[in-house]
Every structure is written in structure tokens, then in C-alpha cells.
Amino acid sequence: MSAWIKMMPVEGAKGFLKEMFDKVMTPSGTVDNVMRVHSLRPQSMNGHYTLYKSVLHHADLSLPLWFLEAIAVYTSILNRCDYSLMHHYSNFEKLQGDVEWCRALRKALEEETPEAVLQGKDLALMRYAGKLTKTPGEMVAEDVLSAKREGASDEEILEVNQVCAYFNYSNRTLNGLGVSTEGDTIGYYQK
């Protein structure tokens, strides 16, 4: 079972659901369960996909994509969302390229000690994402100001905010509906 609720099959889909399945198809030609779990309400699949593409796959992003994937990894670790962690850690490794460094960062993030690997702006932004995930009601202006003091621009802070917010939404969708990676092709990027 790949989810705790019914998911419509891709084959034989009609109307708006077929349009959405065609829209969300991965580069490997599949529809991942993170999208398929919305198949009973394709309008929410459309919203989910639109948000995902805007925060991770837009041409105007300032931060490197590998770093935004690292934000996704940290958010997913903190939320204990194995689905997103599996997919986005794979993406992070492929994009960053240094597998040993990636593994060291993952270990540090799992131990909630990003300072063991990161410094400066990257560390400030990772800490921002961690606090936003764990204690969103405790966010204060200083959380943004400390990232700015380390050289983060408003655009970069917004990008981290939106990736973190998206993964908090997605992690809750996945964890709350028991979505597994069964049948998925892990990682978005083809080798």
C-alpha cells in the first residue's frame, strides 16, 4: 500500500485528473505518490505542484539549488518525513556533487548541529529553517536580522522561508496520509 487513502491510477485517468497527471509527470515518466495522493481532489494536486515548482524550480532563484534541497532535507529530518528525506537527499547529493560532504551535512542535520559543517550565511539560513520548522510561533525579527548580518539578502531569506514552508506543508500531507515511496523513482534529477 502506498498511502492510507485511495489513490487513482494514472492509467485510464480522464478530464482534469488526466491533465494534472500529465502536468506532474517526472522526468522519468512517472507520477510520484506525493502528487498521486491528491488524485481524489486534482485541484489540490494543482496547487501543490504549482507551489513546489515555484519554490524549487523557478529560473529566478538566488540561492544554489543544492542549498535549497539541503533546506528541504533539514525540514524533512525535523518533521521525520522519510518520504521527502529520501527524495530530496538524493537530489541534494546529485546537485552538490561531493557525496562525503553531503553525508557529513546530513549527519550534522540529523544531530541538529548544522554548525558542525556550515558557517556564515549558510549556517544562519539553516538555523532559520530549523527554528521555523520546530517553533514557528517563536520566530522574531532577530532570526531574519542574524541571517542578514551574515550576508543573506531579503530574496535569499524569502527563498529559504518558502522552501521550508512548502516542505512543512508537504511533510504533513505525506506523514498524515501515510504516503510511501512504493513505485516512485527516487530523486527528481536524472543522472
C-alpha atoms as a PDB file:
ATOM      1  CA  MET A   1       0.000   0.000   0.000  1.00  0.00           C
ATOM      2  CA  SER A   2       1.474   3.361  -0.975  1.00  0.00           C
ATOM      3  CA  ALA A   3      -0.947   5.519   1.077  1.00  0.00           C
ATOM      4  CA  TRP A   4      -3.643   5.189   3.714  1.00  0.00           C
ATOM      5  CA  ILE A   5      -6.245   6.625   1.341  1.00  0.00           C
ATOM      6  CA  LYS A   6      -7.278   5.608  -2.157  1.00  0.00           C
ATOM      7  CA  MET A   7      -5.145   6.925  -4.996  1.00  0.00           C
ATOM      8  CA  MET A   8      -6.436   6.854  -8.547  1.00  0.00           C
ATOM      9  CA  PRO A   9      -4.291   5.052 -11.114  1.00  0.00           C
ATOM     10  CA  VAL A  10      -2.515   7.112 -13.743  1.00  0.00           C
ATOM     11  CA  GLU A  11      -3.600   4.731 -16.488  1.00  0.00           C
ATOM     12  CA  GLY A  12      -7.114   5.455 -17.689  1.00  0.00           C
ATOM     13  CA  ALA A  13      -7.409   8.852 -15.980  1.00  0.00           C
ATOM     14  CA  LYS A  14      -9.736  11.304 -17.725  1.00  0.00           C
ATOM     15  CA  GLY A  15     -10.525  15.008 -17.743  1.00  0.00           C
ATOM     16  CA  PHE A  16      -8.798  17.342 -15.294  1.00  0.00           C
ATOM     17  CA  LEU A  17      -7.199  14.425 -13.426  1.00  0.00           C
ATOM     18  CA  LYS A  18      -5.514  13.275 -16.645  1.00  0.00           C
ATOM     19  CA  GLU A  19      -4.382  16.850 -17.329  1.00  0.00           C
ATOM     20  CA  MET A  20      -2.871  17.010 -13.852  1.00  0.00           C
ATOM     21  CA  PHE A  21      -1.151  13.628 -14.126  1.00  0.00           C
ATOM     22  CA  ASP A  22       0.368  14.775 -17.422  1.00  0.00           C
ATOM     23  CA  LYS A  23       1.456  18.052 -15.803  1.00  0.00           C
ATOM     24  CA  VAL A  24       3.123  16.480 -12.748  1.00  0.00           C
ATOM     25  CA  MET A  25       4.857  13.621 -14.562  1.00  0.00           C
ATOM     26  CA  THR A  26       8.503  13.349 -13.520  1.00  0.00           C
ATOM     27  CA  PRO A  27      11.421  13.399 -15.978  1.00  0.00           C
ATOM     28  CA  SER A  28      11.496   9.603 -15.611  1.00  0.00           C
ATOM     29  CA  GLY A  29       7.902   9.387 -16.896  1.00  0.00           C
ATOM     30  CA  THR A  30       6.157   8.524 -13.613  1.00  0.00           C
ATOM     31  CA  VAL A  31       3.792  10.294 -11.224  1.00  0.00           C
ATOM     32  CA  ASP A  32       5.228  10.245  -7.721  1.00  0.00           C
ATOM     33  CA  ASN A  33       2.958   9.375  -4.824  1.00  0.00           C
ATOM     34  CA  VAL A  34       3.396  12.850  -3.312  1.00  0.00           C
ATOM     35  CA  MET A  35       1.232  14.093  -6.198  1.00  0.00           C
ATOM     36  CA  ARG A  36      -0.868  10.978  -6.759  1.00  0.00           C
ATOM     37  CA  VAL A  37      -2.173  11.158  -3.175  1.00  0.00           C
ATOM     38  CA  HIS A  38      -4.135  14.232  -4.336  1.00  0.00           C
ATOM     39  CA  SER A  39      -5.850  12.273  -7.130  1.00  0.00           C
ATOM     40  CA  LEU A  40      -9.269  12.361  -5.435  1.00  0.00           C
ATOM     41  CA  ARG A  41      -9.013  16.183  -5.481  1.00  0.00           C
ATOM     42  CA  PRO A  42      -6.897  17.129  -8.512  1.00  0.00           C
ATOM     43  CA  GLN A  43      -7.345  20.828  -7.727  1.00  0.00           C
ATOM     44  CA  SER A  44      -5.180  20.361  -4.615  1.00  0.00           C
ATOM     45  CA  MET A  45      -2.634  18.471  -6.753  1.00  0.00           C
ATOM     46  CA  ASN A  46      -2.521  21.537  -8.985  1.00  0.00           C
ATOM     47  CA  GLY A  47      -1.924  23.855  -6.021  1.00  0.00           C
ATOM     48  CA  HIS A  48       0.706  21.567  -4.505  1.00  0.00           C
ATOM     49  CA  TYR A  49       2.576  21.223  -7.786  1.00  0.00           C
ATOM     50  CA  THR A  50       2.437  24.954  -8.530  1.00  0.00           C
ATOM     51  CA  LEU A  51       3.887  25.792  -5.128  1.00  0.00           C
ATOM     52  CA  TYR A  52       6.592  23.110  -5.456  1.00  0.00           C
ATOM     53  CA  LYS A  53       7.687  24.366  -8.874  1.00  0.00           C
ATOM     54  CA  SER A  54       7.735  27.996  -7.698  1.00  0.00           C
ATOM     55  CA  VAL A  55       9.967  27.366  -4.680  1.00  0.00           C
ATOM     56  CA  LEU A  56      12.421  24.819  -6.138  1.00  0.00           C
ATOM     57  CA  HIS A  57      12.303  25.031  -9.922  1.00  0.00           C
ATOM     58  CA  HIS A  58      11.951  28.672 -10.880  1.00  0.00           C
ATOM     59  CA  ALA A  59      14.509  30.411 -13.085  1.00  0.00           C
ATOM     60  CA  ASP A  60      14.786  33.447 -10.773  1.00  0.00           C
ATOM     61  CA  LEU A  61      16.100  31.723  -7.648  1.00  0.00           C
ATOM     62  CA  SER A  62      19.107  33.380  -5.987  1.00  0.00           C
ATOM     63  CA  LEU A  63      20.416  30.536  -3.842  1.00  0.00           C
ATOM     64  CA  PRO A  64      22.011  27.455  -5.397  1.00  0.00           C
ATOM     65  CA  LEU A  65      19.531  24.642  -5.881  1.00  0.00           C
ATOM     66  CA  TRP A  66      21.695  22.221  -3.875  1.00  0.00           C
ATOM     67  CA  PHE A  67      21.354  24.536  -0.847  1.00  0.00           C
ATOM     68  CA  LEU A  68      17.577  24.776  -1.215  1.00  0.00           C
ATOM     69  CA  GLU A  69      17.499  20.968  -1.368  1.00  0.00           C
ATOM     70  CA  ALA A  70      19.562  20.949   1.857  1.00  0.00           C
ATOM     71  CA  ILE A  71      16.863  23.147   3.449  1.00  0.00           C
ATOM     72  CA  ALA A  72      14.304  20.566   2.270  1.00  0.00           C
ATOM     73  CA  VAL A  73      16.403  17.799   3.827  1.00  0.00           C
ATOM     74  CA  TYR A  74      16.656  19.577   7.195  1.00  0.00           C
ATOM     75  CA  THR A  75      12.952  20.388   7.298  1.00  0.00           C
ATOM     76  CA  SER A  76      12.119  16.768   6.447  1.00  0.00           C
ATOM     77  CA  ILE A  77      14.528  15.430   9.080  1.00  0.00           C
ATOM     78  CA  LEU A  78      12.963  17.639  11.756  1.00  0.00           C
ATOM     79  CA  ASN A  79       9.476  16.533  10.680  1.00  0.00           C
ATOM     80  CA  ARG A  80      10.555  12.876  10.489  1.00  0.00           C
ATOM     81  CA  CYS A  81       9.251  12.658   6.928  1.00  0.00           C
ATOM     82  CA  ASP A  82      11.135   9.758   5.386  1.00  0.00           C
ATOM     83  CA  TYR A  83       9.406  10.208   2.023  1.00  0.00           C
ATOM     84  CA  SER A  84      10.693  13.747   1.414  1.00  0.00           C
ATOM     85  CA  LEU A  85      14.026  12.964   3.026  1.00  0.00           C
ATOM     86  CA  MET A  86      14.623  10.054   0.661  1.00  0.00           C
ATOM     87  CA  HIS A  87      13.708  12.034  -2.463  1.00  0.00           C
ATOM     88  CA  HIS A  88      15.372  15.320  -1.580  1.00  0.00           C
ATOM     89  CA  TYR A  89      18.536  13.944  -0.052  1.00  0.00           C
ATOM     90  CA  SER A  90      19.043  12.141  -3.371  1.00  0.00           C
ATOM     91  CA  ASN A  91      18.523  15.453  -5.188  1.00  0.00           C
ATOM     92  CA  PHE A  92      20.872  17.261  -2.790  1.00  0.00           C
ATOM     93  CA  GLU A  93      23.681  14.744  -3.372  1.00  0.00           C
ATOM     94  CA  LYS A  94      23.268  14.819  -7.156  1.00  0.00           C
ATOM     95  CA  LEU A  95      23.269  18.611  -7.298  1.00  0.00           C
ATOM     96  CA  GLN A  96      26.027  19.267  -4.745  1.00  0.00           C
ATOM     97  CA  GLY A  97      28.335  16.559  -6.066  1.00  0.00           C
ATOM     98  CA  ASP A  98      30.587  15.924  -3.040  1.00  0.00           C
ATOM     99  CA  VAL A  99      29.000  12.795  -1.561  1.00  0.00           C
ATOM    100  CA  GLU A 100      31.201  12.722   1.562  1.00  0.00           C
ATOM    101  CA  TRP A 101      30.465  16.370   2.366  1.00  0.00           C
ATOM    102  CA  CYS A 102      26.748  15.741   1.793  1.00  0.00           C
ATOM    103  CA  ARG A 103      26.828  12.785   4.184  1.00  0.00           C
ATOM    104  CA  ALA A 104      28.621  14.881   6.800  1.00  0.00           C
ATOM    105  CA  LEU A 105      25.997  17.604   6.489  1.00  0.00           C
ATOM    106  CA  ARG A 106      23.156  15.094   6.712  1.00  0.00           C
ATOM    107  CA  LYS A 107      24.669  13.662   9.911  1.00  0.00           C
ATOM    108  CA  ALA A 108      25.019  17.170  11.365  1.00  0.00           C
ATOM    109  CA  LEU A 109      21.418  17.994  10.451  1.00  0.00           C
ATOM    110  CA  GLU A 110      20.189  14.739  11.997  1.00  0.00           C
ATOM    111  CA  GLU A 111      22.017  15.724  15.186  1.00  0.00           C
ATOM    112  CA  GLU A 112      20.637  19.286  14.886  1.00  0.00           C
ATOM    113  CA  THR A 113      24.179  20.668  14.809  1.00  0.00           C
ATOM    114  CA  PRO A 114      24.456  22.336  11.393  1.00  0.00           C
ATOM    115  CA  GLU A 115      27.381  24.375  12.746  1.00  0.00           C
ATOM    116  CA  ALA A 116      29.487  21.197  12.572  1.00  0.00           C
ATOM    117  CA  VAL A 117      29.595  21.607   8.775  1.00  0.00           C
ATOM    118  CA  LEU A 118      28.155  25.005   7.818  1.00  0.00           C
ATOM    119  CA  GLN A 119      29.213  28.529   8.632  1.00  0.00           C
ATOM    120  CA  GLY A 120      28.332  32.122   7.796  1.00  0.00           C
ATOM    121  CA  LYS A 121      25.285  32.765   5.658  1.00  0.00           C
ATOM    122  CA  ASP A 122      24.574  29.082   5.025  1.00  0.00           C
ATOM    123  CA  LEU A 123      24.552  28.341   8.746  1.00  0.00           C
ATOM    124  CA  ALA A 124      22.333  31.338   9.534  1.00  0.00           C
ATOM    125  CA  LEU A 125      19.824  30.318   6.868  1.00  0.00           C
ATOM    126  CA  MET A 126      19.823  26.687   8.006  1.00  0.00           C
ATOM    127  CA  ARG A 127      19.225  27.778  11.612  1.00  0.00           C
ATOM    128  CA  TYR A 128      16.381  29.989  10.399  1.00  0.00           C
ATOM    129  CA  ALA A 129      14.758  26.995   8.646  1.00  0.00           C
ATOM    130  CA  GLY A 130      15.242  24.816  11.717  1.00  0.00           C
ATOM    131  CA  LYS A 131      13.563  27.277  14.042  1.00  0.00           C
ATOM    132  CA  LEU A 132      10.755  27.963  11.564  1.00  0.00           C
ATOM    133  CA  THR A 133      10.060  24.229  11.401  1.00  0.00           C
ATOM    134  CA  LYS A 134      10.325  23.403  15.097  1.00  0.00           C
ATOM    135  CA  THR A 135       8.949  26.524  16.778  1.00  0.00           C
ATOM    136  CA  PRO A 136       7.225  28.778  14.221  1.00  0.00           C
ATOM    137  CA  GLY A 137       5.393  30.731  16.929  1.00  0.00           C
ATOM    138  CA  GLU A 138       8.719  31.811  18.421  1.00  0.00           C
ATOM    139  CA  MET A 139      10.093  33.472  15.276  1.00  0.00           C
ATOM    140  CA  VAL A 140      11.281  37.059  15.868  1.00  0.00           C
ATOM    141  CA  ALA A 141      12.849  39.785  13.739  1.00  0.00           C
ATOM    142  CA  GLU A 142      16.289  38.804  15.052  1.00  0.00           C
ATOM    143  CA  ASP A 143      16.017  35.493  13.178  1.00  0.00           C
ATOM    144  CA  VAL A 144      15.985  37.407   9.896  1.00  0.00           C
ATOM    145  CA  LEU A 145      18.443  40.073  11.041  1.00  0.00           C
ATOM    146  CA  SER A 146      21.058  37.490  12.023  1.00  0.00           C
ATOM    147  CA  ALA A 147      20.880  35.971   8.534  1.00  0.00           C
ATOM    148  CA  LYS A 148      21.228  39.459   7.030  1.00  0.00           C
ATOM    149  CA  ARG A 149      24.303  40.163   9.175  1.00  0.00           C
ATOM    150  CA  GLU A 150      25.862  37.006   7.687  1.00  0.00           C
ATOM    151  CA  GLY A 151      25.238  38.335   4.174  1.00  0.00           C
ATOM    152  CA  ALA A 152      21.844  36.878   3.270  1.00  0.00           C
ATOM    153  CA  SER A 153      19.687  39.083   1.070  1.00  0.00           C
ATOM    154  CA  ASP A 154      15.966  39.545   1.533  1.00  0.00           C
ATOM    155  CA  GLU A 155      15.424  37.440  -1.602  1.00  0.00           C
ATOM    156  CA  GLU A 156      17.523  34.588  -0.196  1.00  0.00           C
ATOM    157  CA  ILE A 157      15.723  34.700   3.156  1.00  0.00           C
ATOM    158  CA  LEU A 158      12.382  34.594   1.340  1.00  0.00           C
ATOM    159  CA  GLU A 159      13.549  31.606  -0.737  1.00  0.00           C
ATOM    160  CA  VAL A 160      14.560  29.684   2.396  1.00  0.00           C
ATOM    161  CA  ASN A 161      11.290  30.691   4.075  1.00  0.00           C
ATOM    162  CA  GLN A 162       9.250  29.408   1.146  1.00  0.00           C
ATOM    163  CA  VAL A 163      11.161  26.128   0.724  1.00  0.00           C
ATOM    164  CA  CYS A 164      10.851  25.489   4.459  1.00  0.00           C
ATOM    165  CA  ALA A 165       7.142  26.410   4.473  1.00  0.00           C
ATOM    166  CA  TYR A 166       6.486  24.232   1.420  1.00  0.00           C
ATOM    167  CA  PHE A 167       8.202  21.214   2.981  1.00  0.00           C
ATOM    168  CA  ASN A 168       6.341  21.679   6.245  1.00  0.00           C
ATOM    169  CA  TYR A 169       3.111  21.514   4.188  1.00  0.00           C
ATOM    170  CA  SER A 170       4.281  18.601   2.063  1.00  0.00           C
ATOM    171  CA  ASN A 171       5.695  16.653   5.039  1.00  0.00           C
ATOM    172  CA  ARG A 172       2.358  16.937   6.804  1.00  0.00           C
ATOM    173  CA  THR A 173       0.495  15.779   3.697  1.00  0.00           C
ATOM    174  CA  LEU A 174       2.805  12.770   3.344  1.00  0.00           C
ATOM    175  CA  ASN A 175       3.006  11.823   7.033  1.00  0.00           C
ATOM    176  CA  GLY A 176      -0.699  12.453   7.643  1.00  0.00           C
ATOM    177  CA  LEU A 177      -1.798  10.221   4.753  1.00  0.00           C
ATOM    178  CA  GLY A 178       0.847   7.515   5.176  1.00  0.00           C
ATOM    179  CA  VAL A 179       2.351   8.044   1.731  1.00  0.00           C
ATOM    180  CA  SER A 180       5.257   5.737   0.895  1.00  0.00           C
ATOM    181  CA  THR A 181       7.799   5.777  -1.923  1.00  0.00           C
ATOM    182  CA  GLU A 182       6.473   2.441  -3.241  1.00  0.00           C
ATOM    183  CA  GLY A 183       6.521   2.710  -7.040  1.00  0.00           C
ATOM    184  CA  ASP A 184       8.310   6.096  -7.081  1.00  0.00           C
ATOM    185  CA  THR A 185      11.545   6.850  -8.876  1.00  0.00           C
ATOM    186  CA  ILE A 186      13.674   8.362  -6.100  1.00  0.00           C
ATOM    187  CA  GLY A 187      15.022  11.833  -6.806  1.00  0.00           C
ATOM    188  CA  TYR A 188      13.827  14.337  -9.368  1.00  0.00           C
ATOM    189  CA  TYR A 189      17.014  14.734 -11.336  1.00  0.00           C
ATOM    190  CA  GLN A 190      18.075  12.142 -13.850  1.00  0.00           C
ATOM    191  CA  LYS A 191      21.700  11.035 -13.836  1.00  0.00           C
END
